[in-house]
Amino acid sequence: MKSQGHMKQKQFLPERKTKYELFIVLFTYWAQRFGVPGISIERDNRYTGHMITETYDDGTVKMKYNARKLGKWSYALIVSGVFHELAHVFMDLPYKTEKQQIKSEYEAEVFSLQCVKCFYPQLIKEVIETEKKSLYKPKFKKMYPIHYQAFKMIRDYKK
């Protein structure tokens, strides 16, 4: 897929850091680029996933991440995860029912793939191959049922 003219940008490649520091730098950079500043970022190793965006009733948005889980991700997955979580913030899709959660995860992942293809084209193959492998592991379906339902609808992840 060729990038659109207005989306064609030089990719942002921060110097190598620990994976959670890399996540923070990338998230902060892309949040500013996409015009969604003011998101606080907090470490929370109690959370069972890698990262989560929480929006509170007063409009406050917090990005929580699990440093241990992020430490196991590749650079490509961290980049993809940053775009995925940012999509949740600015798409602001409802997340109350299971159907809404599946739709929100689907839209966020499609957006993430588009951004990786546009801004980090050298990483897209690894992202797709890794997510495709994960999707067809029984453990993924059990641990992340909402993500499983959403990701299996993505054309790039189908066998």
N, C-alpha and C. Protein backbone atom coordinates (compact mmCIF):
# COMPACT_ATOMS: atom_id res chain seq x y z
N MET A 1 0.84 -1.18 0.00
CA MET A 1 0.00 0.00 0.00
C MET A 1 0.88 1.24 0.00
N LYS A 2 0.70 2.11 -0.93
CA LYS A 2 1.46 3.36 -0.96
C LYS A 2 0.87 4.31 0.07
N SER A 3 1.75 5.05 0.69
CA SER A 3 1.25 6.00 1.68
C SER A 3 0.63 7.20 0.99
N GLN A 4 -0.35 7.76 1.65
CA GLN A 4 -1.01 8.94 1.11
C GLN A 4 -0.07 10.12 1.29
N GLY A 5 -0.16 11.08 0.39
CA GLY A 5 0.74 12.23 0.42
C GLY A 5 0.78 12.96 1.74
N HIS A 6 -0.40 13.22 2.32
CA HIS A 6 -0.43 13.97 3.57
C HIS A 6 0.05 13.13 4.76
N MET A 7 0.06 11.81 4.61
CA MET A 7 0.48 10.94 5.70
C MET A 7 1.97 10.58 5.58
N LYS A 8 2.57 10.84 4.43
CA LYS A 8 3.96 10.44 4.23
C LYS A 8 4.85 11.30 5.12
N GLN A 9 5.49 10.66 6.06
CA GLN A 9 6.33 11.34 7.02
C GLN A 9 7.61 10.55 7.19
N LYS A 10 8.63 11.21 7.68
CA LYS A 10 9.84 10.50 8.06
C LYS A 10 9.53 9.79 9.37
N GLN A 11 9.92 8.53 9.46
CA GLN A 11 9.63 7.79 10.69
C GLN A 11 10.44 8.33 11.86
N PHE A 12 9.91 8.19 13.03
CA PHE A 12 10.57 8.63 14.25
C PHE A 12 11.29 7.43 14.84
N LEU A 13 12.60 7.48 14.93
CA LEU A 13 13.40 6.39 15.48
C LEU A 13 14.20 6.90 16.67
N PRO A 14 13.69 6.72 17.87
CA PRO A 14 14.43 7.18 19.05
C PRO A 14 15.65 6.29 19.29
N GLU A 15 16.61 6.82 20.03
CA GLU A 15 17.77 6.00 20.36
C GLU A 15 17.32 4.83 21.22
N ARG A 16 18.09 3.77 21.16
CA ARG A 16 17.72 2.55 21.88
C ARG A 16 17.68 2.77 23.39
N LYS A 17 16.62 2.30 23.99
CA LYS A 17 16.40 2.40 25.43
C LYS A 17 15.84 1.06 25.88
N THR A 18 15.47 0.96 27.17
CA THR A 18 14.74 -0.24 27.58
C THR A 18 13.41 -0.21 26.83
N LYS A 19 12.76 -1.33 26.74
CA LYS A 19 11.55 -1.39 25.92
C LYS A 19 10.42 -0.53 26.48
N TYR A 20 10.29 -0.45 27.79
CA TYR A 20 9.23 0.40 28.32
C TYR A 20 9.57 1.88 28.17
N GLU A 21 10.85 2.24 28.25
CA GLU A 21 11.24 3.63 27.99
C GLU A 21 11.01 3.98 26.53
N LEU A 22 11.31 3.03 25.65
CA LEU A 22 11.06 3.21 24.23
C LEU A 22 9.56 3.43 23.98
N PHE A 23 8.74 2.64 24.65
CA PHE A 23 7.29 2.80 24.54
C PHE A 23 6.87 4.20 24.95
N ILE A 24 7.38 4.69 26.08
CA ILE A 24 7.01 6.02 26.57
C ILE A 24 7.42 7.11 25.58
N VAL A 25 8.64 7.02 25.06
CA VAL A 25 9.12 8.01 24.10
C VAL A 25 8.26 7.99 22.83
N LEU A 26 8.01 6.81 22.30
CA LEU A 26 7.19 6.70 21.08
C LEU A 26 5.77 7.18 21.32
N PHE A 27 5.18 6.77 22.43
CA PHE A 27 3.80 7.16 22.72
C PHE A 27 3.69 8.68 22.85
N THR A 28 4.61 9.28 23.57
CA THR A 28 4.59 10.73 23.75
C THR A 28 4.76 11.45 22.41
N TYR A 29 5.71 10.99 21.61
CA TYR A 29 5.97 11.60 20.31
C TYR A 29 4.74 11.53 19.41
N TRP A 30 4.17 10.34 19.25
CA TRP A 30 3.04 10.18 18.33
C TRP A 30 1.76 10.82 18.88
N ALA A 31 1.60 10.87 20.19
CA ALA A 31 0.43 11.56 20.76
C ALA A 31 0.48 13.04 20.39
N GLN A 32 1.67 13.63 20.48
CA GLN A 32 1.82 15.04 20.09
C GLN A 32 1.61 15.22 18.59
N ARG A 33 2.17 14.32 17.80
CA ARG A 33 2.01 14.41 16.34
C ARG A 33 0.56 14.30 15.91
N PHE A 34 -0.22 13.45 16.60
CA PHE A 34 -1.63 13.26 16.26
C PHE A 34 -2.54 14.24 16.99
N GLY A 35 -1.96 15.11 17.80
CA GLY A 35 -2.76 16.14 18.46
C GLY A 35 -3.56 15.66 19.65
N VAL A 36 -3.04 14.68 20.37
CA VAL A 36 -3.71 14.21 21.58
C VAL A 36 -2.75 14.29 22.78
N PRO A 37 -2.33 15.52 23.12
CA PRO A 37 -1.44 15.69 24.27
C PRO A 37 -2.22 15.58 25.59
N GLY A 38 -1.50 15.61 26.67
CA GLY A 38 -2.14 15.62 27.99
C GLY A 38 -2.52 14.26 28.51
N ILE A 39 -1.96 13.20 27.96
CA ILE A 39 -2.25 11.85 28.45
C ILE A 39 -1.15 11.50 29.45
N SER A 40 -1.57 11.18 30.66
CA SER A 40 -0.55 10.77 31.64
C SER A 40 -0.21 9.30 31.40
N ILE A 41 1.05 8.98 31.62
CA ILE A 41 1.54 7.62 31.40
C ILE A 41 2.01 7.08 32.74
N GLU A 42 1.48 5.91 33.12
CA GLU A 42 1.81 5.32 34.42
C GLU A 42 2.23 3.87 34.26
N ARG A 43 3.20 3.50 35.03
CA ARG A 43 3.62 2.09 35.09
C ARG A 43 2.69 1.37 36.05
N ASP A 44 2.20 0.21 35.64
CA ASP A 44 1.31 -0.59 36.49
C ASP A 44 1.53 -2.06 36.15
N ASN A 45 2.41 -2.70 36.88
CA ASN A 45 2.73 -4.10 36.61
C ASN A 45 1.68 -5.08 37.12
N ARG A 46 0.62 -4.57 37.75
CA ARG A 46 -0.48 -5.43 38.18
C ARG A 46 -1.38 -5.80 37.01
N TYR A 47 -1.38 -4.94 36.00
CA TYR A 47 -2.22 -5.14 34.82
C TYR A 47 -1.74 -6.36 34.04
N THR A 48 -2.65 -7.20 33.59
CA THR A 48 -2.28 -8.46 32.93
C THR A 48 -1.90 -8.30 31.47
N GLY A 49 -2.24 -7.17 30.86
CA GLY A 49 -1.88 -6.94 29.46
C GLY A 49 -0.60 -6.13 29.36
N HIS A 50 -0.28 -5.72 28.15
CA HIS A 50 0.92 -4.94 27.92
C HIS A 50 0.70 -3.45 28.19
N MET A 51 -0.44 -2.95 27.71
CA MET A 51 -0.77 -1.54 27.88
C MET A 51 -2.28 -1.37 27.76
N ILE A 52 -2.78 -0.31 28.37
CA ILE A 52 -4.21 -0.03 28.32
C ILE A 52 -4.42 1.48 28.42
N THR A 53 -5.41 1.96 27.69
CA THR A 53 -5.79 3.36 27.77
C THR A 53 -7.09 3.42 28.57
N GLU A 54 -7.10 4.23 29.61
CA GLU A 54 -8.29 4.39 30.43
C GLU A 54 -8.77 5.83 30.35
N THR A 55 -10.05 6.01 30.07
CA THR A 55 -10.65 7.34 30.05
C THR A 55 -11.64 7.42 31.21
N TYR A 56 -11.50 8.43 32.04
CA TYR A 56 -12.33 8.58 33.23
C TYR A 56 -13.49 9.54 32.95
N ASP A 57 -14.47 9.54 33.85
CA ASP A 57 -15.68 10.35 33.67
C ASP A 57 -15.37 11.85 33.54
N ASP A 58 -14.29 12.31 34.19
CA ASP A 58 -13.95 13.73 34.12
C ASP A 58 -13.17 14.07 32.84
N GLY A 59 -12.98 13.08 31.96
CA GLY A 59 -12.28 13.32 30.70
C GLY A 59 -10.78 13.05 30.76
N THR A 60 -10.27 12.74 31.94
CA THR A 60 -8.85 12.43 32.10
C THR A 60 -8.53 11.12 31.37
N VAL A 61 -7.41 11.11 30.66
CA VAL A 61 -6.98 9.90 29.96
C VAL A 61 -5.64 9.47 30.52
N LYS A 62 -5.54 8.19 30.89
CA LYS A 62 -4.30 7.64 31.41
C LYS A 62 -3.90 6.43 30.57
N MET A 63 -2.63 6.37 30.26
CA MET A 63 -2.06 5.22 29.59
C MET A 63 -1.29 4.44 30.65
N LYS A 64 -1.69 3.20 30.88
CA LYS A 64 -1.00 2.36 31.85
C LYS A 64 -0.28 1.25 31.09
N TYR A 65 0.91 0.96 31.53
CA TYR A 65 1.68 -0.09 30.87
C TYR A 65 2.30 -1.03 31.90
N ASN A 66 2.54 -2.25 31.47
CA ASN A 66 3.18 -3.26 32.28
C ASN A 66 4.59 -3.43 31.73
N ALA A 67 5.59 -2.95 32.46
CA ALA A 67 6.98 -2.96 31.99
C ALA A 67 7.49 -4.38 31.74
N ARG A 68 7.09 -5.33 32.59
CA ARG A 68 7.54 -6.72 32.39
C ARG A 68 7.00 -7.29 31.09
N LYS A 69 5.73 -7.03 30.81
CA LYS A 69 5.13 -7.54 29.57
C LYS A 69 5.73 -6.85 28.34
N LEU A 70 5.92 -5.54 28.41
CA LEU A 70 6.51 -4.81 27.28
C LEU A 70 7.93 -5.28 27.01
N GLY A 71 8.63 -5.72 28.04
CA GLY A 71 10.00 -6.20 27.88
C GLY A 71 10.09 -7.43 26.98
N LYS A 72 8.97 -8.13 26.81
CA LYS A 72 8.96 -9.33 25.97
C LYS A 72 8.56 -9.04 24.53
N TRP A 73 8.14 -7.82 24.26
CA TRP A 73 7.71 -7.45 22.91
C TRP A 73 8.89 -6.98 22.07
N SER A 74 8.79 -7.20 20.78
CA SER A 74 9.78 -6.68 19.84
C SER A 74 9.53 -5.19 19.61
N TYR A 75 10.50 -4.54 19.00
CA TYR A 75 10.36 -3.13 18.64
C TYR A 75 9.13 -2.93 17.76
N ALA A 76 8.92 -3.83 16.80
CA ALA A 76 7.79 -3.72 15.87
C ALA A 76 6.45 -3.77 16.61
N LEU A 77 6.33 -4.66 17.59
CA LEU A 77 5.07 -4.75 18.34
C LEU A 77 4.86 -3.54 19.24
N ILE A 78 5.93 -2.99 19.77
CA ILE A 78 5.80 -1.78 20.59
C ILE A 78 5.28 -0.63 19.72
N VAL A 79 5.84 -0.47 18.54
CA VAL A 79 5.38 0.58 17.62
C VAL A 79 3.91 0.38 17.29
N SER A 80 3.55 -0.85 16.95
CA SER A 80 2.16 -1.16 16.63
C SER A 80 1.23 -0.90 17.82
N GLY A 81 1.69 -1.28 19.01
CA GLY A 81 0.90 -1.07 20.23
C GLY A 81 0.67 0.40 20.53
N VAL A 82 1.67 1.23 20.27
CA VAL A 82 1.53 2.68 20.46
C VAL A 82 0.40 3.21 19.58
N PHE A 83 0.43 2.86 18.30
CA PHE A 83 -0.62 3.33 17.39
C PHE A 83 -1.99 2.76 17.78
N HIS A 84 -2.02 1.53 18.21
CA HIS A 84 -3.29 0.90 18.62
C HIS A 84 -3.91 1.67 19.79
N GLU A 85 -3.11 1.96 20.80
CA GLU A 85 -3.64 2.65 21.98
C GLU A 85 -4.01 4.10 21.67
N LEU A 86 -3.24 4.76 20.83
CA LEU A 86 -3.60 6.12 20.43
C LEU A 86 -4.92 6.14 19.67
N ALA A 87 -5.17 5.12 18.88
CA ALA A 87 -6.44 5.03 18.16
C ALA A 87 -7.61 4.97 19.14
N HIS A 88 -7.45 4.24 20.23
CA HIS A 88 -8.52 4.20 21.24
C HIS A 88 -8.81 5.59 21.78
N VAL A 89 -7.77 6.39 21.96
CA VAL A 89 -7.94 7.72 22.54
C VAL A 89 -8.68 8.64 21.58
N PHE A 90 -8.21 8.78 20.36
CA PHE A 90 -8.84 9.78 19.51
C PHE A 90 -10.02 9.27 18.70
N MET A 91 -10.21 7.96 18.60
CA MET A 91 -11.44 7.46 17.97
C MET A 91 -12.59 7.50 18.97
N ASP A 92 -12.26 7.36 20.25
CA ASP A 92 -13.22 7.47 21.34
C ASP A 92 -14.49 6.65 21.07
N LEU A 93 -14.29 5.39 20.67
CA LEU A 93 -15.42 4.50 20.42
C LEU A 93 -15.96 3.96 21.74
N PRO A 94 -17.27 3.72 21.82
CA PRO A 94 -17.83 3.17 23.05
C PRO A 94 -17.22 1.81 23.38
N TYR A 95 -17.13 1.49 24.67
CA TYR A 95 -16.44 0.27 25.10
C TYR A 95 -17.21 -0.42 26.23
N LYS A 96 -18.53 -0.27 26.24
CA LYS A 96 -19.32 -0.82 27.34
C LYS A 96 -19.74 -2.27 27.11
N THR A 97 -20.31 -2.59 25.97
CA THR A 97 -20.76 -3.95 25.70
C THR A 97 -19.66 -4.74 25.00
N GLU A 98 -19.81 -6.05 24.96
CA GLU A 98 -18.83 -6.89 24.28
C GLU A 98 -18.75 -6.55 22.80
N LYS A 99 -19.89 -6.30 22.18
CA LYS A 99 -19.91 -5.95 20.76
C LYS A 99 -19.17 -4.64 20.51
N GLN A 100 -19.36 -3.66 21.38
CA GLN A 100 -18.65 -2.38 21.25
C GLN A 100 -17.14 -2.56 21.46
N GLN A 101 -16.77 -3.41 22.40
CA GLN A 101 -15.36 -3.66 22.66
C GLN A 101 -14.69 -4.31 21.45
N ILE A 102 -15.36 -5.28 20.84
CA ILE A 102 -14.82 -5.95 19.66
C ILE A 102 -14.64 -4.94 18.53
N LYS A 103 -15.64 -4.10 18.31
CA LYS A 103 -15.56 -3.09 17.25
C LYS A 103 -14.43 -2.10 17.52
N SER A 104 -14.30 -1.67 18.77
CA SER A 104 -13.25 -0.73 19.14
C SER A 104 -11.87 -1.34 18.93
N GLU A 105 -11.69 -2.59 19.34
CA GLU A 105 -10.40 -3.25 19.15
C GLU A 105 -10.09 -3.46 17.68
N TYR A 106 -11.10 -3.80 16.91
CA TYR A 106 -10.92 -3.97 15.46
C TYR A 106 -10.48 -2.65 14.82
N GLU A 107 -11.20 -1.57 15.11
CA GLU A 107 -10.88 -0.26 14.52
C GLU A 107 -9.48 0.20 14.94
N ALA A 108 -9.14 -0.01 16.20
CA ALA A 108 -7.82 0.40 16.69
C ALA A 108 -6.70 -0.39 16.01
N GLU A 109 -6.92 -1.67 15.82
CA GLU A 109 -5.88 -2.50 15.19
C GLU A 109 -5.74 -2.19 13.71
N VAL A 110 -6.84 -1.94 13.03
CA VAL A 110 -6.77 -1.55 11.61
C VAL A 110 -6.02 -0.23 11.48
N PHE A 111 -6.33 0.72 12.34
CA PHE A 111 -5.62 2.01 12.32
C PHE A 111 -4.13 1.79 12.58
N SER A 112 -3.82 0.95 13.55
CA SER A 112 -2.44 0.66 13.88
C SER A 112 -1.69 0.09 12.67
N LEU A 113 -2.29 -0.86 11.98
CA LEU A 113 -1.65 -1.45 10.80
C LEU A 113 -1.42 -0.40 9.71
N GLN A 114 -2.40 0.47 9.52
CA GLN A 114 -2.25 1.53 8.51
C GLN A 114 -1.08 2.46 8.87
N CYS A 115 -0.97 2.81 10.14
CA CYS A 115 0.11 3.69 10.57
C CYS A 115 1.47 3.02 10.44
N VAL A 116 1.56 1.75 10.83
CA VAL A 116 2.83 1.04 10.70
C VAL A 116 3.22 0.96 9.23
N LYS A 117 2.26 0.65 8.35
CA LYS A 117 2.55 0.59 6.91
C LYS A 117 3.04 1.93 6.38
N CYS A 118 2.48 3.00 6.89
CA CYS A 118 2.81 4.35 6.41
C CYS A 118 4.11 4.88 7.00
N PHE A 119 4.27 4.79 8.32
CA PHE A 119 5.40 5.42 9.00
C PHE A 119 6.60 4.50 9.24
N TYR A 120 6.36 3.19 9.34
CA TYR A 120 7.42 2.21 9.61
C TYR A 120 7.25 1.00 8.68
N PRO A 121 7.31 1.20 7.38
CA PRO A 121 7.02 0.10 6.44
C PRO A 121 7.94 -1.12 6.60
N GLN A 122 9.14 -0.92 7.12
CA GLN A 122 10.05 -2.05 7.30
C GLN A 122 9.61 -2.96 8.44
N LEU A 123 8.66 -2.53 9.26
CA LEU A 123 8.20 -3.32 10.41
C LEU A 123 6.90 -4.07 10.15
N ILE A 124 6.19 -3.73 9.09
CA ILE A 124 4.83 -4.26 8.90
C ILE A 124 4.81 -5.78 8.76
N LYS A 125 5.77 -6.34 8.07
CA LYS A 125 5.80 -7.79 7.88
C LYS A 125 5.92 -8.51 9.22
N GLU A 126 6.81 -8.02 10.10
CA GLU A 126 6.98 -8.63 11.41
C GLU A 126 5.71 -8.50 12.26
N VAL A 127 5.07 -7.34 12.21
CA VAL A 127 3.84 -7.14 12.98
C VAL A 127 2.77 -8.14 12.53
N ILE A 128 2.56 -8.24 11.23
CA ILE A 128 1.53 -9.13 10.71
C ILE A 128 1.84 -10.59 11.03
N GLU A 129 3.08 -11.00 10.81
CA GLU A 129 3.45 -12.40 11.08
C GLU A 129 3.32 -12.74 12.56
N THR A 130 3.74 -11.83 13.43
CA THR A 130 3.66 -12.08 14.88
C THR A 130 2.21 -12.15 15.34
N GLU A 131 1.39 -11.20 14.90
CA GLU A 131 -0.02 -11.19 15.31
C GLU A 131 -0.77 -12.40 14.74
N LYS A 132 -0.44 -12.77 13.53
CA LYS A 132 -1.08 -13.93 12.91
C LYS A 132 -0.76 -15.20 13.70
N LYS A 133 0.51 -15.37 14.11
CA LYS A 133 0.91 -16.53 14.91
C LYS A 133 0.19 -16.53 16.25
N SER A 134 0.13 -15.37 16.89
CA SER A 134 -0.53 -15.26 18.19
C SER A 134 -2.01 -15.59 18.10
N LEU A 135 -2.63 -15.09 17.05
CA LEU A 135 -4.07 -15.26 16.88
C LEU A 135 -4.48 -16.73 16.84
N TYR A 136 -3.63 -17.57 16.29
CA TYR A 136 -3.99 -18.98 16.14
C TYR A 136 -3.44 -19.86 17.25
N LYS A 137 -2.98 -19.26 18.32
CA LYS A 137 -2.58 -20.02 19.51
C LYS A 137 -3.78 -20.10 20.44
N PRO A 138 -4.11 -21.30 20.95
CA PRO A 138 -5.27 -21.43 21.86
C PRO A 138 -5.18 -20.51 23.08
N LYS A 139 -3.98 -20.26 23.56
CA LYS A 139 -3.79 -19.41 24.74
C LYS A 139 -4.28 -17.98 24.49
N PHE A 140 -4.06 -17.47 23.27
CA PHE A 140 -4.48 -16.10 22.93
C PHE A 140 -6.00 -15.98 23.02
N LYS A 141 -6.70 -16.95 22.46
CA LYS A 141 -8.17 -16.92 22.47
C LYS A 141 -8.70 -16.94 23.90
N LYS A 142 -8.06 -17.69 24.76
CA LYS A 142 -8.50 -17.80 26.15
C LYS A 142 -8.16 -16.54 26.95
N MET A 143 -6.94 -16.02 26.77
CA MET A 143 -6.50 -14.87 27.56
C MET A 143 -7.08 -13.54 27.08
N TYR A 144 -7.28 -13.40 25.77
CA TYR A 144 -7.74 -12.14 25.20
C TYR A 144 -8.93 -12.37 24.27
N PRO A 145 -10.07 -12.79 24.81
CA PRO A 145 -11.20 -13.15 23.93
C PRO A 145 -11.73 -11.99 23.08
N ILE A 146 -11.72 -10.78 23.60
CA ILE A 146 -12.19 -9.63 22.83
C ILE A 146 -11.24 -9.35 21.67
N HIS A 147 -9.95 -9.32 21.97
CA HIS A 147 -8.95 -9.10 20.92
C HIS A 147 -9.01 -10.22 19.88
N TYR A 148 -9.20 -11.43 20.34
CA TYR A 148 -9.30 -12.57 19.41
C TYR A 148 -10.44 -12.36 18.42
N GLN A 149 -11.61 -12.00 18.93
CA GLN A 149 -12.78 -11.78 18.07
C GLN A 149 -12.52 -10.65 17.07
N ALA A 150 -11.86 -9.59 17.53
CA ALA A 150 -11.59 -8.44 16.67
C ALA A 150 -10.52 -8.76 15.63
N PHE A 151 -9.44 -9.37 16.07
CA PHE A 151 -8.30 -9.61 15.18
C PHE A 151 -8.60 -10.64 14.11
N LYS A 152 -9.48 -11.59 14.41
CA LYS A 152 -9.77 -12.61 13.39
C LYS A 152 -10.57 -12.02 12.21
N MET A 153 -11.10 -10.81 12.36
CA MET A 153 -11.80 -10.14 11.26
C MET A 153 -10.85 -9.35 10.36
N ILE A 154 -9.61 -9.19 10.77
CA ILE A 154 -8.65 -8.39 10.01
C ILE A 154 -8.06 -9.24 8.89
N ARG A 155 -8.20 -8.75 7.69
CA ARG A 155 -7.78 -9.49 6.49
C ARG A 155 -6.30 -9.89 6.54
N ASP A 156 -5.44 -8.98 6.99
CA ASP A 156 -4.01 -9.26 7.04
C ASP A 156 -3.65 -10.40 8.01
N TYR A 157 -4.51 -10.68 8.97
CA TYR A 157 -4.22 -11.70 9.98
C TYR A 157 -4.81 -13.06 9.62
N LYS A 158 -5.55 -13.15 8.55
CA LYS A 158 -6.15 -14.44 8.17
C LYS A 158 -5.10 -15.32 7.52
N LYS A 159 -5.23 -16.62 7.72
CA LYS A 159 -4.29 -17.57 7.13
C LYS A 159 -4.46 -17.66 5.65
